[in-house]
Amino acid sequence: MMAKGTYQSIMLATKDLDGVFAKLESSGAEIMQEPIDQQWGSRDCAVRDPSGNTVRIQQLS
Protein backbone atom coordinates (compact mmCIF):
# COMPACT_ATOMS: atom_id res chain seq x y z
CA MET A 1 0.00 0.00 0.00
CA MET A 2 2.86 2.41 0.67
CA ALA A 3 4.00 2.14 -2.93
CA LYS A 4 0.63 3.53 -4.05
CA GLY A 5 0.86 6.55 -1.77
CA THR A 6 -2.20 5.59 0.25
CA TYR A 7 -0.82 6.48 3.67
CA GLN A 8 -1.48 10.06 4.65
CA SER A 9 1.49 10.21 6.99
CA ILE A 10 4.23 8.05 8.42
CA MET A 11 6.02 9.10 11.62
CA LEU A 12 9.66 8.21 12.27
CA ALA A 13 12.05 9.29 15.04
CA THR A 14 15.80 9.85 15.26
CA LYS A 15 18.41 11.08 17.73
CA ASP A 16 19.91 13.36 15.03
CA LEU A 17 17.08 15.16 13.25
CA ASP A 18 19.28 17.85 11.73
CA GLY A 19 21.75 15.27 10.38
CA VAL A 20 18.99 13.15 8.85
CA PHE A 21 17.36 16.25 7.36
CA ALA A 22 20.67 17.38 5.82
CA LYS A 23 21.07 13.97 4.14
CA LEU A 24 17.50 14.04 2.82
CA GLU A 25 17.87 17.58 1.53
CA SER A 26 21.18 16.85 -0.21
CA SER A 27 19.68 13.75 -1.85
CA GLY A 28 17.00 15.85 -3.54
CA ALA A 29 14.08 14.69 -1.39
CA GLU A 30 10.89 16.74 -1.66
CA ILE A 31 10.97 18.88 1.49
CA MET A 32 7.60 19.76 2.97
CA GLN A 33 8.81 21.34 6.22
CA GLU A 34 12.30 22.06 7.50
CA PRO A 35 13.11 21.09 11.12
CA ILE A 36 11.13 23.28 13.49
CA ASP A 37 10.32 23.37 17.20
CA GLN A 38 6.58 22.71 17.38
CA GLN A 39 4.36 24.53 19.89
CA TRP A 40 3.49 21.22 21.59
CA GLY A 41 7.15 20.62 22.43
CA SER A 42 8.53 18.30 19.77
CA ARG A 43 10.99 19.17 17.00
CA ASP A 44 10.26 17.64 13.62
CA CYS A 45 10.40 17.97 9.84
CA ALA A 46 8.41 16.57 6.93
CA VAL A 47 9.30 15.20 3.50
CA ARG A 48 7.35 13.43 0.78
CA ASP A 49 8.46 9.98 -0.38
CA PRO A 50 8.55 9.07 -4.11
CA SER A 51 5.05 7.54 -3.82
CA GLY A 52 3.54 10.73 -2.41
CA ASN A 53 3.35 9.70 1.25
CA THR A 54 4.14 12.33 3.89
CA VAL A 55 7.00 11.23 6.15
CA ARG A 56 7.39 13.18 9.40
CA ILE A 57 10.60 12.72 11.35
CA GLN A 58 10.74 13.67 15.02
CA GLN A 59 13.75 14.39 17.24
CA LEU A 60 14.11 11.88 20.09
CA SER A 61 14.79 13.48 23.45
PDB file of N, CA and C in Angstrom:
ATOM      1  N   MET A   1       0.812  -1.198   0.000  1.00  0.00           N
ATOM      2  CA  MET A   1       0.000   0.000   0.000  1.00  0.00           C
ATOM      3  C   MET A   1       0.856   1.264   0.000  1.00  0.00           C
ATOM      4  N   MET A   2       2.013   1.226   0.652  1.00  0.00           N
ATOM      5  CA  MET A   2       2.864   2.415   0.674  1.00  0.00           C
ATOM      6  C   MET A   2       3.287   2.812  -0.726  1.00  0.00           C
ATOM      7  N   ALA A   3       3.534   1.841  -1.581  1.00  0.00           N
ATOM      8  CA  ALA A   3       4.002   2.141  -2.933  1.00  0.00           C
ATOM      9  C   ALA A   3       2.959   2.918  -3.724  1.00  0.00           C
ATOM     10  N   LYS A   4       1.698   2.828  -3.342  1.00  0.00           N
ATOM     11  CA  LYS A   4       0.632   3.530  -4.051  1.00  0.00           C
ATOM     12  C   LYS A   4       0.348   4.897  -3.455  1.00  0.00           C
ATOM     13  N   GLY A   5       1.063   5.249  -2.377  1.00  0.00           N
ATOM     14  CA  GLY A   5       0.858   6.555  -1.767  1.00  0.00           C
ATOM     15  C   GLY A   5      -0.441   6.672  -0.997  1.00  0.00           C
ATOM     16  N   THR A   6      -0.919   5.564  -0.423  1.00  0.00           N
ATOM     17  CA  THR A   6      -2.203   5.591   0.254  1.00  0.00           C
ATOM     18  C   THR A   6      -2.124   6.021   1.714  1.00  0.00           C
ATOM     19  N   TYR A   7      -0.947   6.008   2.291  1.00  0.00           N
ATOM     20  CA  TYR A   7      -0.820   6.476   3.671  1.00  0.00           C
ATOM     21  C   TYR A   7      -0.790   7.990   3.668  1.00  0.00           C
ATOM     22  N   GLN A   8      -1.524   8.605   4.567  1.00  0.00           N
ATOM     23  CA  GLN A   8      -1.475  10.062   4.652  1.00  0.00           C
ATOM     24  C   GLN A   8      -0.177  10.513   5.281  1.00  0.00           C
ATOM     25  N   SER A   9       0.284   9.793   6.297  1.00  0.00           N
ATOM     26  CA  SER A   9       1.487  10.209   6.993  1.00  0.00           C
ATOM     27  C   SER A   9       2.130   9.025   7.699  1.00  0.00           C
ATOM     28  N   ILE A  10       3.445   9.042   7.703  1.00  0.00           N
ATOM     29  CA  ILE A  10       4.227   8.046   8.421  1.00  0.00           C
ATOM     30  C   ILE A  10       5.127   8.820   9.372  1.00  0.00           C
ATOM     31  N   MET A  11       5.222   8.392  10.628  1.00  0.00           N
ATOM     32  CA  MET A  11       6.023   9.098  11.616  1.00  0.00           C
ATOM     33  C   MET A  11       7.232   8.259  11.987  1.00  0.00           C
ATOM     34  N   LEU A  12       8.410   8.848  11.877  1.00  0.00           N
ATOM     35  CA  LEU A  12       9.661   8.206  12.274  1.00  0.00           C
ATOM     36  C   LEU A  12      10.331   9.072  13.332  1.00  0.00           C
ATOM     37  N   ALA A  13      11.332   8.527  14.018  1.00  0.00           N
ATOM     38  CA  ALA A  13      12.053   9.286  15.039  1.00  0.00           C
ATOM     39  C   ALA A  13      13.543   8.989  14.937  1.00  0.00           C
ATOM     40  N   THR A  14      14.363   9.977  15.322  1.00  0.00           N
ATOM     41  CA  THR A  14      15.805   9.849  15.260  1.00  0.00           C
ATOM     42  C   THR A  14      16.453  10.666  16.380  1.00  0.00           C
ATOM     43  N   LYS A  15      17.660  10.302  16.741  1.00  0.00           N
ATOM     44  CA  LYS A  15      18.413  11.076  17.729  1.00  0.00           C
ATOM     45  C   LYS A  15      19.100  12.281  17.088  1.00  0.00           C
ATOM     46  N   ASP A  16      19.219  12.292  15.755  1.00  0.00           N
ATOM     47  CA  ASP A  16      19.909  13.365  15.035  1.00  0.00           C
ATOM     48  C   ASP A  16      19.042  13.901  13.903  1.00  0.00           C
ATOM     49  N   LEU A  17      18.011  14.641  14.254  1.00  0.00           N
ATOM     50  CA  LEU A  17      17.076  15.162  13.254  1.00  0.00           C
ATOM     51  C   LEU A  17      17.774  16.042  12.226  1.00  0.00           C
ATOM     52  N   ASP A  18      18.629  16.939  12.667  1.00  0.00           N
ATOM     53  CA  ASP A  18      19.284  17.853  11.734  1.00  0.00           C
ATOM     54  C   ASP A  18      20.201  17.108  10.772  1.00  0.00           C
ATOM     55  N   GLY A  19      20.890  16.076  11.252  1.00  0.00           N
ATOM     56  CA  GLY A  19      21.746  15.274  10.383  1.00  0.00           C
ATOM     57  C   GLY A  19      20.950  14.503   9.348  1.00  0.00           C
ATOM     58  N   VAL A  20      19.854  13.894   9.774  1.00  0.00           N
ATOM     59  CA  VAL A  20      18.992  13.152   8.847  1.00  0.00           C
ATOM     60  C   VAL A  20      18.392  14.107   7.826  1.00  0.00           C
ATOM     61  N   PHE A  21      17.936  15.275   8.284  1.00  0.00           N
ATOM     62  CA  PHE A  21      17.358  16.254   7.362  1.00  0.00           C
ATOM     63  C   PHE A  21      18.385  16.700   6.324  1.00  0.00           C
ATOM     64  N   ALA A  22      19.619  16.952   6.755  1.00  0.00           N
ATOM     65  CA  ALA A  22      20.671  17.376   5.819  1.00  0.00           C
ATOM     66  C   ALA A  22      20.894  16.324   4.737  1.00  0.00           C
ATOM     67  N   LYS A  23      20.897  15.048   5.125  1.00  0.00           N
ATOM     68  CA  LYS A  23      21.069  13.971   4.145  1.00  0.00           C
ATOM     69  C   LYS A  23      19.901  13.915   3.172  1.00  0.00           C
ATOM     70  N   LEU A  24      18.676  14.048   3.691  1.00  0.00           N
ATOM     71  CA  LEU A  24      17.496  14.039   2.823  1.00  0.00           C
ATOM     72  C   LEU A  24      17.511  15.210   1.859  1.00  0.00           C
ATOM     73  N   GLU A  25      17.842  16.378   2.362  1.00  0.00           N
ATOM     74  CA  GLU A  25      17.865  17.578   1.525  1.00  0.00           C
ATOM     75  C   GLU A  25      18.928  17.467   0.428  1.00  0.00           C
ATOM     76  N   SER A  26      20.109  16.966   0.784  1.00  0.00           N
ATOM     77  CA  SER A  26      21.183  16.855  -0.209  1.00  0.00           C
ATOM     78  C   SER A  26      20.903  15.768  -1.247  1.00  0.00           C
ATOM     79  N   SER A  27      20.018  14.824  -0.906  1.00  0.00           N
ATOM     80  CA  SER A  27      19.684  13.753  -1.849  1.00  0.00           C
ATOM     81  C   SER A  27      18.603  14.180  -2.845  1.00  0.00           C
ATOM     82  N   GLY A  28      18.036  15.375  -2.633  1.00  0.00           N
ATOM     83  CA  GLY A  28      17.001  15.855  -3.539  1.00  0.00           C
ATOM     84  C   GLY A  28      15.592  15.490  -3.119  1.00  0.00           C
ATOM     85  N   ALA A  29      15.413  15.042  -1.877  1.00  0.00           N
ATOM     86  CA  ALA A  29      14.081  14.689  -1.390  1.00  0.00           C
ATOM     87  C   ALA A  29      13.159  15.905  -1.451  1.00  0.00           C
ATOM     88  N   GLU A  30      11.874  15.656  -1.635  1.00  0.00           N
ATOM     89  CA  GLU A  30      10.891  16.737  -1.656  1.00  0.00           C
ATOM     90  C   GLU A  30      10.629  17.184  -0.215  1.00  0.00           C
ATOM     91  N   ILE A  31      11.105  18.353   0.128  1.00  0.00           N
ATOM     92  CA  ILE A  31      10.970  18.883   1.486  1.00  0.00           C
ATOM     93  C   ILE A  31       9.609  19.550   1.636  1.00  0.00           C
ATOM     94  N   MET A  32       8.889  19.149   2.666  1.00  0.00           N
ATOM     95  CA  MET A  32       7.602  19.765   2.966  1.00  0.00           C
ATOM     96  C   MET A  32       7.734  20.763   4.112  1.00  0.00           C
ATOM     97  N   GLN A  33       8.617  20.454   5.070  1.00  0.00           N
ATOM     98  CA  GLN A  33       8.813  21.335   6.221  1.00  0.00           C
ATOM     99  C   GLN A  33      10.207  21.107   6.768  1.00  0.00           C
ATOM    100  N   GLU A  34      10.978  22.160   6.895  1.00  0.00           N
ATOM    101  CA  GLU A  34      12.302  22.059   7.502  1.00  0.00           C
ATOM    102  C   GLU A  34      12.151  21.803   8.996  1.00  0.00           C
ATOM    103  N   PRO A  35      13.211  21.330   9.674  1.00  0.00           N
ATOM    104  CA  PRO A  35      13.113  21.095  11.116  1.00  0.00           C
ATOM    105  C   PRO A  35      12.658  22.361  11.852  1.00  0.00           C
ATOM    106  N   ILE A  36      11.702  22.167  12.739  1.00  0.00           N
ATOM    107  CA  ILE A  36      11.133  23.284  13.494  1.00  0.00           C
ATOM    108  C   ILE A  36      10.709  22.791  14.873  1.00  0.00           C
ATOM    109  N   ASP A  37      10.816  23.675  15.858  1.00  0.00           N
ATOM    110  CA  ASP A  37      10.319  23.369  17.201  1.00  0.00           C
ATOM    111  C   ASP A  37       8.816  23.635  17.198  1.00  0.00           C
ATOM    112  N   GLN A  38       8.039  22.589  17.400  1.00  0.00           N
ATOM    113  CA  GLN A  38       6.584  22.710  17.384  1.00  0.00           C
ATOM    114  C   GLN A  38       6.083  23.287  18.709  1.00  0.00           C
ATOM    115  N   GLN A  39       4.928  23.912  18.684  1.00  0.00           N
ATOM    116  CA  GLN A  39       4.365  24.531  19.886  1.00  0.00           C
ATOM    117  C   GLN A  39       4.017  23.507  20.969  1.00  0.00           C
ATOM    118  N   TRP A  40       3.820  22.257  20.597  1.00  0.00           N
ATOM    119  CA  TRP A  40       3.486  21.223  21.588  1.00  0.00           C
ATOM    120  C   TRP A  40       4.735  20.569  22.166  1.00  0.00           C
ATOM    121  N   GLY A  41       5.932  21.060  21.769  1.00  0.00           N
ATOM    122  CA  GLY A  41       7.154  20.619  22.431  1.00  0.00           C
ATOM    123  C   GLY A  41       8.090  19.744  21.623  1.00  0.00           C
ATOM    124  N   SER A  42       7.627  19.153  20.540  1.00  0.00           N
ATOM    125  CA  SER A  42       8.525  18.298  19.768  1.00  0.00           C
ATOM    126  C   SER A  42       9.204  19.109  18.661  1.00  0.00           C
ATOM    127  N   ARG A  43      10.291  18.584  18.150  1.00  0.00           N
ATOM    128  CA  ARG A  43      10.994  19.172  17.003  1.00  0.00           C
ATOM    129  C   ARG A  43      10.896  18.155  15.883  1.00  0.00           C
ATOM    130  N   ASP A  44      10.413  18.585  14.713  1.00  0.00           N
ATOM    131  CA  ASP A  44      10.259  17.643  13.617  1.00  0.00           C
ATOM    132  C   ASP A  44      10.392  18.320  12.265  1.00  0.00           C
ATOM    133  N   CYS A  45      10.381  17.498  11.223  1.00  0.00           N
ATOM    134  CA  CYS A  45      10.398  17.973   9.841  1.00  0.00           C
ATOM    135  C   CYS A  45       9.494  17.048   9.040  1.00  0.00           C
ATOM    136  N   ALA A  46       9.259  17.406   7.786  1.00  0.00           N
ATOM    137  CA  ALA A  46       8.411  16.572   6.933  1.00  0.00           C
ATOM    138  C   ALA A  46       8.953  16.561   5.511  1.00  0.00           C
ATOM    139  N   VAL A  47       8.912  15.382   4.900  1.00  0.00           N
ATOM    140  CA  VAL A  47       9.299  15.195   3.504  1.00  0.00           C
ATOM    141  C   VAL A  47       8.233  14.330   2.835  1.00  0.00           C
ATOM    142  N   ARG A  48       8.271  14.292   1.517  1.00  0.00           N
ATOM    143  CA  ARG A  48       7.346  13.428   0.778  1.00  0.00           C
ATOM    144  C   ARG A  48       8.169  12.335   0.113  1.00  0.00           C
ATOM    145  N   ASP A  49       7.732  11.080   0.254  1.00  0.00           N
ATOM    146  CA  ASP A  49       8.462   9.983  -0.384  1.00  0.00           C
ATOM    147  C   ASP A  49       8.091   9.913  -1.870  1.00  0.00           C
ATOM    148  N   PRO A  50       8.813   9.118  -2.663  1.00  0.00           N
ATOM    149  CA  PRO A  50       8.548   9.069  -4.108  1.00  0.00           C
ATOM    150  C   PRO A  50       7.123   8.646  -4.469  1.00  0.00           C
ATOM    151  N   SER A  51       6.419   7.973  -3.555  1.00  0.00           N
ATOM    152  CA  SER A  51       5.048   7.544  -3.825  1.00  0.00           C
ATOM    153  C   SER A  51       4.008   8.576  -3.406  1.00  0.00           C
ATOM    154  N   GLY A  52       4.462   9.677  -2.818  1.00  0.00           N
ATOM    155  CA  GLY A  52       3.542  10.728  -2.411  1.00  0.00           C
ATOM    156  C   GLY A  52       3.131  10.697  -0.961  1.00  0.00           C
ATOM    157  N   ASN A  53       3.669   9.763  -0.178  1.00  0.00           N
ATOM    158  CA  ASN A  53       3.354   9.702   1.247  1.00  0.00           C
ATOM    159  C   ASN A  53       4.101  10.791   1.998  1.00  0.00           C
ATOM    160  N   THR A  54       3.469  11.379   3.006  1.00  0.00           N
ATOM    161  CA  THR A  54       4.136  12.326   3.889  1.00  0.00           C
ATOM    162  C   THR A  54       4.892  11.540   4.949  1.00  0.00           C
ATOM    163  N   VAL A  55       6.165  11.868   5.120  1.00  0.00           N
ATOM    164  CA  VAL A  55       6.998  11.232   6.147  1.00  0.00           C
ATOM    165  C   VAL A  55       7.434  12.323   7.108  1.00  0.00           C
ATOM    166  N   ARG A  56       6.987  12.231   8.349  1.00  0.00           N
ATOM    167  CA  ARG A  56       7.391  13.176   9.399  1.00  0.00           C
ATOM    168  C   ARG A  56       8.469  12.496  10.227  1.00  0.00           C
ATOM    169  N   ILE A  57       9.504  13.248  10.549  1.00  0.00           N
ATOM    170  CA  ILE A  57      10.604  12.719  11.351  1.00  0.00           C
ATOM    171  C   ILE A  57      10.756  13.603  12.570  1.00  0.00           C
ATOM    172  N   GLN A  58      10.727  12.977  13.736  1.00  0.00           N
ATOM    173  CA  GLN A  58      10.745  13.673  15.015  1.00  0.00           C
ATOM    174  C   GLN A  58      12.069  13.458  15.724  1.00  0.00           C
ATOM    175  N   GLN A  59      12.532  14.482  16.432  1.00  0.00           N
ATOM    176  CA  GLN A  59      13.745  14.391  17.239  1.00  0.00           C
ATOM    177  C   GLN A  59      13.448  13.615  18.516  1.00  0.00           C
ATOM    178  N   LEU A  60      14.223  12.579  18.804  1.00  0.00           N
ATOM    179  CA  LEU A  60      14.107  11.884  20.092  1.00  0.00           C
ATOM    180  C   LEU A  60      14.775  12.715  21.169  1.00  0.00           C
ATOM    181  N   SER A  61      14.208  12.722  22.333  1.00  0.00           N
ATOM    182  CA  SER A  61      14.786  13.484  23.453  1.00  0.00           C
ATOM    183  C   SER A  61      16.023  12.820  23.993  1.00  0.00           C
TER     184      SER A  61
END
